[in-house]
Amino acid sequence: MIEVKNFTKKPFAKKFLIRVAKTVLKGENREKQSLSIVFTGENRIKKLNKKYRKENKTTDVLSFGESPKFKTQNLKDTLGEIIICPQKVEKNSRKYKTAFKEELVLVLIHGILHLLGYDHEKTEREKNKTERKQHNYFLKIFPKLN
């Protein structure tokens, strides 16, 4: 199950976001796992970023995997939670001259890949692998941009 929660005033096409998430999970043979996608404001994501990453700034996406310490039988197939700040995504879309929807898909894919264990901050090799995966899933969603 993929759950989408929106704590902002910006409307989102939940079915589209669920389709994006399912595309990545299926591609990684993890389609039975569930996850939550949460949209929040700049203040909240900044607080979370400071608390968990020691960075006192807003960010576009944070990923929180389910802690093995808290996993119960009911949560064993829960991948985690992705928190997205649409205001930051909007700023990035202007900065990189991309459509908001495309930038949103990129950060969602990026967040899911983090939950699946891909880490672009480890090594150059891991960075390249993660970016390749991200790009390939992006093209599955937007094939006409290839």
Protein backbone atom coordinates (compact mmCIF):
# COMPACT_ATOMS: atom_id res chain seq x y z
CA MET A 1 0.00 0.00 0.00
CA ILE A 2 1.22 3.47 -0.83
CA GLU A 3 -0.21 6.24 1.29
CA VAL A 4 -0.05 9.92 0.34
CA LYS A 5 -0.58 12.60 3.01
CA ASN A 6 -0.63 16.27 2.14
CA PHE A 7 -0.13 18.84 4.92
CA THR A 8 0.24 21.73 2.46
CA LYS A 9 -2.23 23.77 0.44
CA LYS A 10 -0.77 22.60 -2.87
CA PRO A 11 -2.96 19.94 -4.51
CA PHE A 12 -1.38 16.75 -5.84
CA ALA A 13 -2.52 13.99 -8.17
CA LYS A 14 -2.31 11.12 -5.68
CA LYS A 15 -2.94 8.43 -8.29
CA PHE A 16 -0.03 9.70 -10.38
CA LEU A 17 2.33 9.74 -7.39
CA ILE A 18 1.26 6.23 -6.44
CA ARG A 19 1.94 5.10 -10.02
CA VAL A 20 5.44 6.61 -9.86
CA ALA A 21 6.16 4.85 -6.55
CA LYS A 22 4.80 1.54 -7.83
CA THR A 23 6.98 1.80 -10.95
CA VAL A 24 10.13 2.08 -8.84
CA LEU A 25 9.11 -0.59 -6.33
CA LYS A 26 8.19 -3.01 -9.10
CA GLY A 27 11.47 -2.32 -10.91
CA GLU A 28 13.35 -3.19 -7.73
CA ASN A 29 11.22 -6.31 -7.03
CA ARG A 30 9.81 -4.69 -3.91
CA GLU A 31 6.22 -4.10 -5.03
CA LYS A 32 4.81 -5.84 -1.95
CA GLN A 33 6.35 -3.25 0.34
CA SER A 34 4.36 -0.24 1.41
CA LEU A 35 5.48 3.31 2.00
CA SER A 36 4.15 6.72 2.95
CA ILE A 37 4.66 9.89 0.95
CA VAL A 38 4.16 13.03 3.03
CA PHE A 39 4.04 16.62 1.78
CA THR A 40 5.01 19.25 4.32
CA GLY A 41 6.05 22.89 4.51
CA GLU A 42 9.47 24.48 4.60
CA ASN A 43 9.54 25.04 8.37
CA ARG A 44 8.74 21.42 9.18
CA ILE A 45 11.22 19.90 6.72
CA LYS A 46 13.93 22.31 7.93
CA LYS A 47 13.36 21.14 11.53
CA LEU A 48 13.51 17.49 10.46
CA ASN A 49 16.64 18.11 8.39
CA LYS A 50 18.33 19.80 11.37
CA LYS A 51 17.30 17.08 13.81
CA TYR A 52 18.21 14.04 11.70
CA ARG A 53 20.90 15.29 9.31
CA LYS A 54 22.35 18.18 11.36
CA GLU A 55 21.72 20.56 8.45
CA ASN A 56 19.86 23.73 9.37
CA LYS A 57 18.27 24.37 5.99
CA THR A 58 15.29 23.35 3.91
CA THR A 59 15.60 20.42 1.56
CA ASP A 60 13.37 18.98 -1.13
CA VAL A 61 13.15 15.40 0.17
CA LEU A 62 13.96 13.32 3.24
CA SER A 63 13.67 9.54 3.51
CA PHE A 64 13.13 7.67 6.75
CA GLY A 65 13.35 3.90 6.69
CA GLU A 66 11.42 1.80 9.17
CA SER A 67 13.58 1.09 12.17
CA PRO A 68 14.14 -2.64 12.74
CA LYS A 69 13.78 -1.85 16.45
CA PHE A 70 10.13 -0.91 15.95
CA LYS A 71 9.12 -3.39 13.27
CA THR A 72 6.23 -5.61 14.16
CA GLN A 73 4.66 -8.38 12.15
CA ASN A 74 2.28 -5.81 10.64
CA LEU A 75 5.10 -3.47 9.63
CA LYS A 76 7.57 -6.00 8.21
CA ASP A 77 6.69 -5.00 4.67
CA THR A 78 6.80 -1.27 5.36
CA LEU A 79 9.67 0.42 3.56
CA GLY A 80 9.43 3.80 5.27
CA GLU A 81 8.36 7.36 4.76
CA ILE A 82 9.34 9.98 2.21
CA ILE A 83 8.84 13.59 3.20
CA ILE A 84 8.71 16.13 0.38
CA CYS A 85 8.64 19.92 0.57
CA PRO A 86 6.73 21.20 -2.47
CA GLN A 87 7.96 24.78 -1.97
CA LYS A 88 11.58 23.60 -2.27
CA VAL A 89 10.68 21.40 -5.25
CA GLU A 90 9.10 24.48 -6.87
CA LYS A 91 12.27 26.53 -6.25
CA ASN A 92 14.42 23.76 -7.71
CA SER A 93 12.20 23.48 -10.78
CA ARG A 94 12.75 27.19 -11.45
CA LYS A 95 16.49 26.90 -10.74
CA TYR A 96 16.96 23.92 -13.07
CA LYS A 97 14.37 25.14 -15.59
CA THR A 98 12.25 22.00 -15.37
CA ALA A 99 8.52 21.52 -14.95
CA PHE A 100 7.33 21.18 -11.34
CA LYS A 101 5.85 17.75 -12.09
CA GLU A 102 9.17 16.49 -13.46
CA GLU A 103 11.11 17.80 -10.47
CA LEU A 104 8.57 16.24 -8.12
CA VAL A 105 8.95 12.87 -9.83
CA LEU A 106 12.75 13.12 -9.55
CA VAL A 107 12.67 13.78 -5.80
CA LEU A 108 10.12 11.02 -5.24
CA ILE A 109 12.24 8.50 -7.15
CA HIS A 110 15.32 9.77 -5.31
CA GLY A 111 13.63 9.29 -1.94
CA ILE A 112 12.47 5.77 -2.76
CA LEU A 113 15.94 4.79 -3.95
CA HIS A 114 17.35 5.99 -0.62
CA LEU A 115 14.84 3.80 1.23
CA LEU A 116 15.95 0.87 -0.91
CA GLY A 117 19.56 1.35 0.15
CA TYR A 118 21.00 3.38 -2.70
CA ASP A 119 23.30 6.10 -1.37
CA HIS A 120 24.75 8.67 -3.74
CA GLU A 121 26.84 10.16 -0.91
CA LYS A 122 28.96 7.03 -0.24
CA THR A 123 31.26 6.67 -3.24
CA GLU A 124 31.50 7.93 -6.80
CA ARG A 125 30.55 4.46 -8.03
CA GLU A 126 27.44 4.38 -5.83
CA LYS A 127 26.58 7.93 -6.92
CA ASN A 128 26.74 6.91 -10.59
CA LYS A 129 24.66 3.79 -9.95
CA THR A 130 22.01 5.77 -8.07
CA GLU A 131 21.85 8.51 -10.70
CA ARG A 132 21.53 5.92 -13.49
CA LYS A 133 18.65 4.20 -11.69
CA GLN A 134 16.98 7.54 -11.01
CA HIS A 135 17.29 8.58 -14.65
CA ASN A 136 15.97 5.23 -15.94
CA TYR A 137 12.89 5.35 -13.70
CA PHE A 138 12.32 8.98 -14.65
CA LEU A 139 12.27 7.98 -18.33
CA LYS A 140 9.76 5.22 -17.58
CA ILE A 141 7.43 7.91 -16.24
CA PHE A 142 8.23 10.49 -18.92
CA PRO A 143 9.32 8.42 -21.96
CA LYS A 144 8.86 11.36 -24.35
CA LEU A 145 11.69 13.24 -22.64
CA ASN A 146 14.21 10.62 -23.76
